[in-house]
Amino acid sequence: MVDDASARARAGEGPGGPSVGRVDGCDLLAVALPLRGVAADVSYLGAVIDQLDGPIVLVGHSYSGSVITAAGVADKVAGLVYVAGFVPEEGESIADLQAIYPSLAMGNFLQPRPLPDGSAELSVDPGRFRDIFCADVPEDDAMFMAHAQRPLVATAFEDPVAAAAWKTKPSWGVFGTADKPIAAQLHRYSYERAGSKTTEVDGASHFLMVSKPDVVADVVREAAQACSRSMVA
C-alpha cells in the first residue's frame, strides 16, 4: 500500500481517488490521506486497512512515514517501507526529529493558507519546489508536481505519534543522499534506530520514487516478498 500523491496524479487519478493496480502478484493501493494531521490520518488509514485482506505492507513517503509508523500496529500489517520518510519514536513528532538533524532546505519555502476554523495549511512555493524537493527530476515533471501538490495542515509537524510499529514489525528504508527536506544524517539515524534494512541512493533527491523508481520498486518488492514468506512460515 503506497501513499504517493505524485504517482496518483501522474497516473491520472484525482486527488481523492486511489490508484489501484497489481504487480508481482500483489495488489497495490495508493491511499489519498486527508493530510489533516497525524492522528486524523492514522485514523483514516486504519479504516482503509480494516477493509483489506492481510498481510499488508505499508509504504510511506516523507510525512506519511509518521502515519504508517502509528497505523502499522494493526494486526494485518506485516511490514513497513519508508521512502525518504520520517520514522518517529512513540511520542515523537517531526519537529522533534528535525531538531536532532535539521532540514538542509534554506529559507521559508512553505506558504500558509488560513482556514475558516482559525488553523492553517501549508504548501510549498511552486517556484522553489524543484530545487528543494526534486532537483534530479525533469523540469516539466517537477513543474507538474509543484502545482499538483496537496496542502498539509500546519500543526502536523508538531503532532506526536501514538505508537511505533517498527518496534515489532520489520521495516525497510530507502532515501537519497541529496535529500534536502530530510537530511541524510536524520535518515541514517532514524533507520538505524528502527532496525530498518536501508538503501542509500547516491545523489537522489527527496522524490527519489520519481527520479529512481526502479530502486524504490525493488525495495518495496523485497519487503513484500519477505513479509509474504514470514506469514507462510
Foldseek 3Di string as FASTA:
>chain_A
DEADLLVCVVVPHDLQDWDWDADPRDIDIHHNFPQAAQVNSLVVVLVVVVPDAAQDEYEYAALCLLNCQQNCVDPNYAEYEYEPYAQDAAQDFLVNLCVVPPFQDDDDQWDWDADPVGWIWIAGNLVCQCVQFFVLADPVSSSVCRVSDDIHTPCRRVDGHRHGNLVPHAYAYEYECAEGRQHPVSVVVNCVVSVHHYHYDYPGYSVCCRNPVVVSVVRVVVVVVVSVVVVVD
